[in-house]
């Protein structure tokens, strides 16, 4: 499975035509508070008149808007289309009741994520209605697969043996967001073997200090190959990892569509 990364204007030094318009659109998404014309021109490495024309095209389509002080933001039409598409996706529709039940049971943030190359991409997220501290993850956001519980669940199925792990890790730097993160192919192989044996994966403050997570596979489209993984992420002081592991039977029942009681 090839990695798919967000559009990076820096990787396209000679943007032309539709590529430039897409680069401007992608840059707008990085600035919810708005971005000025001069700043945008620097970001996409293009002349201001050219960027102004791209913004004008996006504004005509409703994909960009200009607020006070000449700053540009994503347009309401673009947001409407994005949210409508997300809400109608089959996996989102099917997974939402599971996420809601898990969120209500544990009072923590829950995610549904899929594997794309070396990253996991969050397709759905649900925060608890109460709680002073929320996680910073967003729908469409990415994290390294090897140091997240959802990623380890999916890698355990995609990389069934040591040779497959070595081939996947070849040429990649296994970044270590925390001192607990996996950093070598050998460590990853051993961890994935444990995941396959247990049927679930954990992230013991490996992706973000103070945050732990438990994830299980989700079989939304096939009884044998997971379409993604569902996780419960909590602050370590508030929801210890042991508490999530002890509740595994109920978590699996909810993800399977059964009554956990």
C-alpha atoms as a PDB file:
ATOM      1  CA  UNK A   1       0.000   0.000   0.000  1.00  0.00           C
ATOM      2  CA  UNK A   2       1.605   3.243  -1.098  1.00  0.00           C
ATOM      3  CA  UNK A   3       1.805   6.218   1.224  1.00  0.00           C
ATOM      4  CA  UNK A   4      -0.396   9.181   0.431  1.00  0.00           C
ATOM      5  CA  UNK A   5       0.688  12.550   1.814  1.00  0.00           C
ATOM      6  CA  UNK A   6      -1.036  15.944   1.800  1.00  0.00           C
ATOM      7  CA  UNK A   7      -0.269  18.285  -1.087  1.00  0.00           C
ATOM      8  CA  UNK A   8       3.063  19.971  -0.381  1.00  0.00           C
ATOM      9  CA  UNK A   9       3.715  23.134  -2.395  1.00  0.00           C
ATOM     10  CA  UNK A  10       7.394  23.003  -1.454  1.00  0.00           C
ATOM     11  CA  UNK A  11       7.705  19.745  -3.362  1.00  0.00           C
ATOM     12  CA  UNK A  12       6.297  21.396  -6.513  1.00  0.00           C
ATOM     13  CA  UNK A  13       8.546  24.419  -7.164  1.00  0.00           C
ATOM     14  CA  UNK A  14       7.003  25.212 -10.576  1.00  0.00           C
ATOM     15  CA  UNK A  15       3.286  25.100  -9.950  1.00  0.00           C
ATOM     16  CA  UNK A  16       1.116  25.836 -12.956  1.00  0.00           C
ATOM     17  CA  UNK A  17      -2.594  25.951 -13.700  1.00  0.00           C
ATOM     18  CA  UNK A  18      -4.755  23.626 -11.640  1.00  0.00           C
ATOM     19  CA  UNK A  19      -1.778  22.511  -9.522  1.00  0.00           C
ATOM     20  CA  UNK A  20      -1.380  26.077  -8.294  1.00  0.00           C
ATOM     21  CA  UNK A  21      -5.076  26.376  -7.474  1.00  0.00           C
ATOM     22  CA  UNK A  22      -4.907  23.110  -5.508  1.00  0.00           C
ATOM     23  CA  UNK A  23      -1.803  24.315  -3.680  1.00  0.00           C
ATOM     24  CA  UNK A  24      -3.610  27.515  -2.681  1.00  0.00           C
ATOM     25  CA  UNK A  25      -6.641  25.512  -1.526  1.00  0.00           C
ATOM     26  CA  UNK A  26      -4.442  23.206   0.566  1.00  0.00           C
ATOM     27  CA  UNK A  27      -2.660  26.175   2.113  1.00  0.00           C
ATOM     28  CA  UNK A  28      -5.986  27.806   3.010  1.00  0.00           C
ATOM     29  CA  UNK A  29      -6.867  24.681   5.005  1.00  0.00           C
ATOM     30  CA  UNK A  30      -3.773  25.245   7.157  1.00  0.00           C
ATOM     31  CA  UNK A  31      -4.950  28.703   8.249  1.00  0.00           C
ATOM     32  CA  UNK A  32      -8.378  28.620   9.926  1.00  0.00           C
ATOM     33  CA  UNK A  33      -7.820  32.191  11.122  1.00  0.00           C
ATOM     34  CA  UNK A  34      -7.126  33.350   7.573  1.00  0.00           C
ATOM     35  CA  UNK A  35      -4.060  34.140   5.480  1.00  0.00           C
ATOM     36  CA  UNK A  36      -3.100  37.270   3.577  1.00  0.00           C
ATOM     37  CA  UNK A  37      -2.255  37.422  -0.118  1.00  0.00           C
ATOM     38  CA  UNK A  38       1.429  38.167   0.434  1.00  0.00           C
ATOM     39  CA  UNK A  39       1.816  35.341   2.954  1.00  0.00           C
ATOM     40  CA  UNK A  40       0.002  32.949   0.617  1.00  0.00           C
ATOM     41  CA  UNK A  41       2.272  33.894  -2.286  1.00  0.00           C
ATOM     42  CA  UNK A  42       5.321  33.063  -0.177  1.00  0.00           C
ATOM     43  CA  UNK A  43       3.809  29.782   1.002  1.00  0.00           C
ATOM     44  CA  UNK A  44       3.147  28.496  -2.521  1.00  0.00           C
ATOM     45  CA  UNK A  45       6.215  30.178  -4.060  1.00  0.00           C
ATOM     46  CA  UNK A  46       4.226  32.018  -6.734  1.00  0.00           C
ATOM     47  CA  UNK A  47       3.798  35.673  -7.789  1.00  0.00           C
ATOM     48  CA  UNK A  48       1.070  37.626  -6.016  1.00  0.00           C
ATOM     49  CA  UNK A  49      -0.946  38.361  -9.208  1.00  0.00           C
ATOM     50  CA  UNK A  50      -0.980  34.659 -10.044  1.00  0.00           C
ATOM     51  CA  UNK A  51      -2.037  33.671  -6.542  1.00  0.00           C
ATOM     52  CA  UNK A  52      -4.714  36.386  -6.595  1.00  0.00           C
ATOM     53  CA  UNK A  53      -6.185  34.828  -9.764  1.00  0.00           C
ATOM     54  CA  UNK A  54      -6.194  31.391  -8.112  1.00  0.00           C
ATOM     55  CA  UNK A  55      -7.983  32.808  -5.077  1.00  0.00           C
ATOM     56  CA  UNK A  56     -10.496  34.542  -7.345  1.00  0.00           C
ATOM     57  CA  UNK A  57     -11.282  31.205  -9.018  1.00  0.00           C
ATOM     58  CA  UNK A  58     -11.759  29.546  -5.634  1.00  0.00           C
ATOM     59  CA  UNK A  59     -13.985  32.385  -4.450  1.00  0.00           C
ATOM     60  CA  UNK A  60     -16.224  32.087  -7.520  1.00  0.00           C
ATOM     61  CA  UNK A  61     -16.696  28.402  -6.721  1.00  0.00           C
ATOM     62  CA  UNK A  62     -17.409  29.122  -3.054  1.00  0.00           C
ATOM     63  CA  UNK A  63     -14.260  27.278  -2.008  1.00  0.00           C
ATOM     64  CA  UNK A  64     -12.606  30.409  -0.588  1.00  0.00           C
ATOM     65  CA  UNK A  65     -13.843  33.590   1.049  1.00  0.00           C
ATOM     66  CA  UNK A  66     -12.276  36.904   1.963  1.00  0.00           C
ATOM     67  CA  UNK A  67     -12.823  38.229   5.459  1.00  0.00           C
ATOM     68  CA  UNK A  68     -11.896  41.523   7.056  1.00  0.00           C
ATOM     69  CA  UNK A  69      -8.399  42.941   6.629  1.00  0.00           C
ATOM     70  CA  UNK A  70      -8.052  41.131   3.303  1.00  0.00           C
ATOM     71  CA  UNK A  71      -7.481  37.681   4.775  1.00  0.00           C
ATOM     72  CA  UNK A  72      -8.658  34.540   2.988  1.00  0.00           C
ATOM     73  CA  UNK A  73     -10.265  31.431   4.497  1.00  0.00           C
ATOM     74  CA  UNK A  74     -11.889  28.254   3.213  1.00  0.00           C
ATOM     75  CA  UNK A  75     -15.321  28.987   1.802  1.00  0.00           C
ATOM     76  CA  UNK A  76     -18.596  27.696   3.202  1.00  0.00           C
ATOM     77  CA  UNK A  77     -19.371  25.720   0.053  1.00  0.00           C
ATOM     78  CA  UNK A  78     -16.137  23.770   0.355  1.00  0.00           C
ATOM     79  CA  UNK A  79     -16.842  23.047   4.029  1.00  0.00           C
ATOM     80  CA  UNK A  80     -20.413  22.007   3.238  1.00  0.00           C
ATOM     81  CA  UNK A  81     -19.237  19.537   0.593  1.00  0.00           C
ATOM     82  CA  UNK A  82     -16.489  18.136   2.827  1.00  0.00           C
ATOM     83  CA  UNK A  83     -18.777  17.590   5.812  1.00  0.00           C
ATOM     84  CA  UNK A  84     -21.591  16.155   3.689  1.00  0.00           C
ATOM     85  CA  UNK A  85     -19.185  13.721   2.055  1.00  0.00           C
ATOM     86  CA  UNK A  86     -17.720  12.651   5.377  1.00  0.00           C
ATOM     87  CA  UNK A  87     -21.108  12.134   7.026  1.00  0.00           C
ATOM     88  CA  UNK A  88     -22.276   9.980   4.095  1.00  0.00           C
ATOM     89  CA  UNK A  89     -19.222   7.715   3.872  1.00  0.00           C
ATOM     90  CA  UNK A  90     -20.306   4.096   4.483  1.00  0.00           C
ATOM     91  CA  UNK A  91     -17.559   3.410   7.020  1.00  0.00           C
ATOM     92  CA  UNK A  92     -18.429   6.551   9.010  1.00  0.00           C
ATOM     93  CA  UNK A  93     -22.136   5.648   9.040  1.00  0.00           C
ATOM     94  CA  UNK A  94     -21.438   2.097  10.235  1.00  0.00           C
ATOM     95  CA  UNK A  95     -18.829   2.982  12.826  1.00  0.00           C
ATOM     96  CA  UNK A  96     -20.616   5.921  14.478  1.00  0.00           C
ATOM     97  CA  UNK A  97     -22.877   3.812  16.790  1.00  0.00           C
ATOM     98  CA  UNK A  98     -19.814   1.881  17.997  1.00  0.00           C
ATOM     99  CA  UNK A  99     -17.873   5.066  18.694  1.00  0.00           C
ATOM    100  CA  UNK A 100     -20.831   6.572  20.526  1.00  0.00           C
ATOM    101  CA  UNK A 101     -21.245   3.500  22.753  1.00  0.00           C
ATOM    102  CA  UNK A 102     -17.523   3.381  23.596  1.00  0.00           C
ATOM    103  CA  UNK A 103     -17.366   7.119  24.239  1.00  0.00           C
ATOM    104  CA  UNK A 104     -20.323   6.928  26.602  1.00  0.00           C
ATOM    105  CA  UNK A 105     -18.910   3.868  28.392  1.00  0.00           C
ATOM    106  CA  UNK A 106     -15.438   5.273  29.037  1.00  0.00           C
ATOM    107  CA  UNK A 107     -15.917   9.029  28.835  1.00  0.00           C
ATOM    108  CA  UNK A 108     -12.859   9.339  26.592  1.00  0.00           C
ATOM    109  CA  UNK A 109     -12.094  10.186  22.964  1.00  0.00           C
ATOM    110  CA  UNK A 110     -12.631   7.395  20.447  1.00  0.00           C
ATOM    111  CA  UNK A 111     -11.344   7.090  16.889  1.00  0.00           C
ATOM    112  CA  UNK A 112     -11.771   5.051  13.741  1.00  0.00           C
ATOM    113  CA  UNK A 113      -8.624   5.005  11.606  1.00  0.00           C
ATOM    114  CA  UNK A 114      -7.274   3.325   8.486  1.00  0.00           C
ATOM    115  CA  UNK A 115      -3.748   2.477   7.380  1.00  0.00           C
ATOM    116  CA  UNK A 116      -2.094   4.406   4.538  1.00  0.00           C
ATOM    117  CA  UNK A 117       1.522   3.442   4.014  1.00  0.00           C
ATOM    118  CA  UNK A 118       3.499   4.330   7.133  1.00  0.00           C
ATOM    119  CA  UNK A 119       0.678   6.406   8.633  1.00  0.00           C
ATOM    120  CA  UNK A 120      -2.763   6.011  10.097  1.00  0.00           C
ATOM    121  CA  UNK A 121      -5.459   8.426   8.968  1.00  0.00           C
ATOM    122  CA  UNK A 122      -8.334   9.222  11.303  1.00  0.00           C
ATOM    123  CA  UNK A 123     -11.636   8.808   9.495  1.00  0.00           C
ATOM    124  CA  UNK A 124     -13.940   9.426  12.459  1.00  0.00           C
ATOM    125  CA  UNK A 125     -13.569  10.871  15.933  1.00  0.00           C
ATOM    126  CA  UNK A 126     -15.930  11.390  18.853  1.00  0.00           C
ATOM    127  CA  UNK A 127     -15.114  13.398  21.976  1.00  0.00           C
ATOM    128  CA  UNK A 128     -16.949  12.977  25.281  1.00  0.00           C
ATOM    129  CA  UNK A 129     -19.497  15.711  26.030  1.00  0.00           C
ATOM    130  CA  UNK A 130     -17.846  16.403  29.382  1.00  0.00           C
ATOM    131  CA  UNK A 131     -14.202  16.728  30.364  1.00  0.00           C
ATOM    132  CA  UNK A 132     -11.828  19.642  30.657  1.00  0.00           C
ATOM    133  CA  UNK A 133      -9.082  18.120  28.508  1.00  0.00           C
ATOM    134  CA  UNK A 134      -9.592  17.000  24.902  1.00  0.00           C
ATOM    135  CA  UNK A 135      -7.159  15.343  22.505  1.00  0.00           C
ATOM    136  CA  UNK A 136      -5.814  17.336  19.572  1.00  0.00           C
ATOM    137  CA  UNK A 137      -6.424  14.669  16.904  1.00  0.00           C
ATOM    138  CA  UNK A 138      -8.660  15.644  13.964  1.00  0.00           C
ATOM    139  CA  UNK A 139     -10.552  13.800  11.246  1.00  0.00           C
ATOM    140  CA  UNK A 140      -8.163  13.533   8.306  1.00  0.00           C
ATOM    141  CA  UNK A 141      -5.145  13.874  10.572  1.00  0.00           C
ATOM    142  CA  UNK A 142      -2.227  11.464  10.471  1.00  0.00           C
ATOM    143  CA  UNK A 143       0.115   9.788  12.932  1.00  0.00           C
ATOM    144  CA  UNK A 144       2.937   7.268  12.519  1.00  0.00           C
ATOM    145  CA  UNK A 145       1.484   3.756  12.401  1.00  0.00           C
ATOM    146  CA  UNK A 146       4.257   2.080  14.386  1.00  0.00           C
ATOM    147  CA  UNK A 147       3.691   4.098  17.566  1.00  0.00           C
ATOM    148  CA  UNK A 148      -0.115   4.231  17.653  1.00  0.00           C
ATOM    149  CA  UNK A 149      -2.457   1.502  18.861  1.00  0.00           C
ATOM    150  CA  UNK A 150      -4.649   1.712  15.748  1.00  0.00           C
ATOM    151  CA  UNK A 151      -1.550   1.531  13.561  1.00  0.00           C
ATOM    152  CA  UNK A 152      -0.143  -1.486  15.349  1.00  0.00           C
ATOM    153  CA  UNK A 153      -3.455  -3.347  15.035  1.00  0.00           C
ATOM    154  CA  UNK A 154      -3.503  -2.766  11.276  1.00  0.00           C
ATOM    155  CA  UNK A 155       0.211  -3.421  10.756  1.00  0.00           C
ATOM    156  CA  UNK A 156      -0.166  -6.729  12.618  1.00  0.00           C
ATOM    157  CA  UNK A 157      -2.554  -7.859   9.881  1.00  0.00           C
ATOM    158  CA  UNK A 158      -0.642  -6.286   6.977  1.00  0.00           C
ATOM    159  CA  UNK A 159       2.825  -7.518   8.062  1.00  0.00           C
ATOM    160  CA  UNK A 160       2.413 -11.156   9.149  1.00  0.00           C
ATOM    161  CA  UNK A 161       6.078 -12.076   9.677  1.00  0.00           C
ATOM    162  CA  UNK A 162       9.552 -10.702  10.305  1.00  0.00           C
ATOM    163  CA  UNK A 163      10.453 -10.512   6.603  1.00  0.00           C
ATOM    164  CA  UNK A 164       7.343  -8.431   5.877  1.00  0.00           C
ATOM    165  CA  UNK A 165       8.169  -6.056   8.744  1.00  0.00           C
ATOM    166  CA  UNK A 166      11.763  -5.686   7.542  1.00  0.00           C
ATOM    167  CA  UNK A 167      10.638  -4.943   3.980  1.00  0.00           C
ATOM    168  CA  UNK A 168       8.101  -2.375   5.217  1.00  0.00           C
ATOM    169  CA  UNK A 169      10.639  -0.659   7.463  1.00  0.00           C
ATOM    170  CA  UNK A 170      13.443  -0.642   4.875  1.00  0.00           C
ATOM    171  CA  UNK A 171      14.329   2.910   3.920  1.00  0.00           C
ATOM    172  CA  UNK A 172      12.047   4.390   6.571  1.00  0.00           C
ATOM    173  CA  UNK A 173      13.048   6.168   9.738  1.00  0.00           C
ATOM    174  CA  UNK A 174      10.861   4.962  12.575  1.00  0.00           C
ATOM    175  CA  UNK A 175      10.477   8.283  14.324  1.00  0.00           C
ATOM    176  CA  UNK A 176      10.133   8.283  18.094  1.00  0.00           C
ATOM    177  CA  UNK A 177       7.689  10.944  19.324  1.00  0.00           C
ATOM    178  CA  UNK A 178       8.377   9.856  22.929  1.00  0.00           C
ATOM    179  CA  UNK A 179      11.067   7.854  24.688  1.00  0.00           C
ATOM    180  CA  UNK A 180       8.637   4.903  24.814  1.00  0.00           C
ATOM    181  CA  UNK A 181       8.162   4.730  21.033  1.00  0.00           C
ATOM    182  CA  UNK A 182       9.312   1.770  18.947  1.00  0.00           C
ATOM    183  CA  UNK A 183      12.470   2.664  17.029  1.00  0.00           C
ATOM    184  CA  UNK A 184      13.628  -0.474  15.174  1.00  0.00           C
ATOM    185  CA  UNK A 185      12.189  -3.111  12.858  1.00  0.00           C
ATOM    186  CA  UNK A 186      13.055  -5.805  15.400  1.00  0.00           C
ATOM    187  CA  UNK A 187      11.097  -4.064  18.136  1.00  0.00           C
ATOM    188  CA  UNK A 188       8.169  -3.589  15.779  1.00  0.00           C
ATOM    189  CA  UNK A 189       8.156  -7.269  14.756  1.00  0.00           C
ATOM    190  CA  UNK A 190       8.078  -8.364  18.411  1.00  0.00           C
ATOM    191  CA  UNK A 191       5.275  -5.931  19.206  1.00  0.00           C
ATOM    192  CA  UNK A 192       3.156  -6.997  16.220  1.00  0.00           C
ATOM    193  CA  UNK A 193       3.526 -10.629  17.254  1.00  0.00           C
ATOM    194  CA  UNK A 194       2.116  -9.719  20.670  1.00  0.00           C
ATOM    195  CA  UNK A 195      -0.754  -7.845  19.006  1.00  0.00           C
ATOM    196  CA  UNK A 196      -1.678 -10.876  16.905  1.00  0.00           C
ATOM    197  CA  UNK A 197      -1.575 -13.112  19.975  1.00  0.00           C
ATOM    198  CA  UNK A 198      -3.724 -10.816  22.122  1.00  0.00           C
ATOM    199  CA  UNK A 199      -6.097  -9.515  19.455  1.00  0.00           C
ATOM    200  CA  UNK A 200      -5.630  -5.883  20.473  1.00  0.00           C
ATOM    201  CA  UNK A 201      -2.897  -3.246  20.623  1.00  0.00           C
ATOM    202  CA  UNK A 202      -1.927  -0.596  23.120  1.00  0.00           C
ATOM    203  CA  UNK A 203      -0.139   2.723  22.954  1.00  0.00           C
ATOM    204  CA  UNK A 204       1.432   3.272  26.362  1.00  0.00           C
ATOM    205  CA  UNK A 205       2.326   6.967  25.961  1.00  0.00           C
ATOM    206  CA  UNK A 206       4.236   6.068  22.775  1.00  0.00           C
ATOM    207  CA  UNK A 207       2.751   8.713  20.488  1.00  0.00           C
ATOM    208  CA  UNK A 208       2.103  11.513  22.965  1.00  0.00           C
ATOM    209  CA  UNK A 209       3.289  11.877  26.574  1.00  0.00           C
ATOM    210  CA  UNK A 210       0.517  11.385  29.094  1.00  0.00           C
ATOM    211  CA  UNK A 211      -1.881   9.764  26.612  1.00  0.00           C
ATOM    212  CA  UNK A 212      -2.500   6.042  26.340  1.00  0.00           C
ATOM    213  CA  UNK A 213      -4.732   4.071  24.015  1.00  0.00           C
ATOM    214  CA  UNK A 214      -6.210   0.645  23.318  1.00  0.00           C
ATOM    215  CA  UNK A 215      -7.303  -0.386  19.824  1.00  0.00           C
ATOM    216  CA  UNK A 216      -9.070  -3.352  18.246  1.00  0.00           C
ATOM    217  CA  UNK A 217      -9.677  -4.239  14.588  1.00  0.00           C
ATOM    218  CA  UNK A 218     -12.941  -3.255  12.900  1.00  0.00           C
ATOM    219  CA  UNK A 219     -14.364  -5.583  10.259  1.00  0.00           C
ATOM    220  CA  UNK A 220     -16.779  -3.303   8.437  1.00  0.00           C
ATOM    221  CA  UNK A 221     -16.412  -4.721   4.931  1.00  0.00           C
ATOM    222  CA  UNK A 222     -14.902  -8.193   5.376  1.00  0.00           C
ATOM    223  CA  UNK A 223     -15.061 -10.886   8.082  1.00  0.00           C
ATOM    224  CA  UNK A 224     -11.358 -11.685   7.714  1.00  0.00           C
ATOM    225  CA  UNK A 225      -9.569  -8.453   6.779  1.00  0.00           C
ATOM    226  CA  UNK A 226     -10.019  -5.356   8.980  1.00  0.00           C
ATOM    227  CA  UNK A 227     -11.191  -2.227   7.192  1.00  0.00           C
ATOM    228  CA  UNK A 228      -9.673  -0.160   9.969  1.00  0.00           C
ATOM    229  CA  UNK A 229      -9.250  -0.013  13.724  1.00  0.00           C
ATOM    230  CA  UNK A 230     -11.218   1.519  16.582  1.00  0.00           C
ATOM    231  CA  UNK A 231      -9.453   3.006  19.577  1.00  0.00           C
ATOM    232  CA  UNK A 232     -10.163   4.530  22.960  1.00  0.00           C
ATOM    233  CA  UNK A 233      -7.628   7.199  23.900  1.00  0.00           C
ATOM    234  CA  UNK A 234      -7.390   8.676  27.357  1.00  0.00           C
ATOM    235  CA  UNK A 235      -5.191  10.734  29.590  1.00  0.00           C
ATOM    236  CA  UNK A 236      -3.056   8.331  31.607  1.00  0.00           C
ATOM    237  CA  UNK A 237      -3.906   9.912  34.955  1.00  0.00           C
ATOM    238  CA  UNK A 238      -7.633   9.811  34.195  1.00  0.00           C
ATOM    239  CA  UNK A 239      -8.040   6.453  32.447  1.00  0.00           C
ATOM    240  CA  UNK A 240      -5.157   4.071  33.194  1.00  0.00           C
ATOM    241  CA  UNK A 241      -4.278   1.619  30.447  1.00  0.00           C
ATOM    242  CA  UNK A 242      -5.062  -1.262  32.805  1.00  0.00           C
ATOM    243  CA  UNK A 243      -8.667  -0.076  33.045  1.00  0.00           C
ATOM    244  CA  UNK A 244      -9.051  -0.274  29.256  1.00  0.00           C
ATOM    245  CA  UNK A 245      -7.440  -3.722  29.076  1.00  0.00           C
ATOM    246  CA  UNK A 246      -9.705  -5.011  31.853  1.00  0.00           C
ATOM    247  CA  UNK A 247     -12.737  -3.840  29.871  1.00  0.00           C
ATOM    248  CA  UNK A 248     -11.604  -5.572  26.660  1.00  0.00           C
ATOM    249  CA  UNK A 249     -14.505  -8.089  26.519  1.00  0.00           C
ATOM    250  CA  UNK A 250     -17.050  -5.267  26.548  1.00  0.00           C
ATOM    251  CA  UNK A 251     -15.053  -3.242  24.014  1.00  0.00           C
ATOM    252  CA  UNK A 252     -14.924  -6.205  21.626  1.00  0.00           C
ATOM    253  CA  UNK A 253     -18.647  -6.825  22.094  1.00  0.00           C
ATOM    254  CA  UNK A 254     -19.486  -3.228  21.204  1.00  0.00           C
ATOM    255  CA  UNK A 255     -17.267  -3.260  18.107  1.00  0.00           C
ATOM    256  CA  UNK A 256     -18.909  -6.555  17.065  1.00  0.00           C
ATOM    257  CA  UNK A 257     -22.349  -4.987  17.433  1.00  0.00           C
ATOM    258  CA  UNK A 258     -23.260  -7.044  20.501  1.00  0.00           C
ATOM    259  CA  UNK A 259     -24.640  -6.045  23.888  1.00  0.00           C
ATOM    260  CA  UNK A 260     -21.638  -5.552  26.225  1.00  0.00           C
ATOM    261  CA  UNK A 261     -23.662  -6.124  29.405  1.00  0.00           C
END
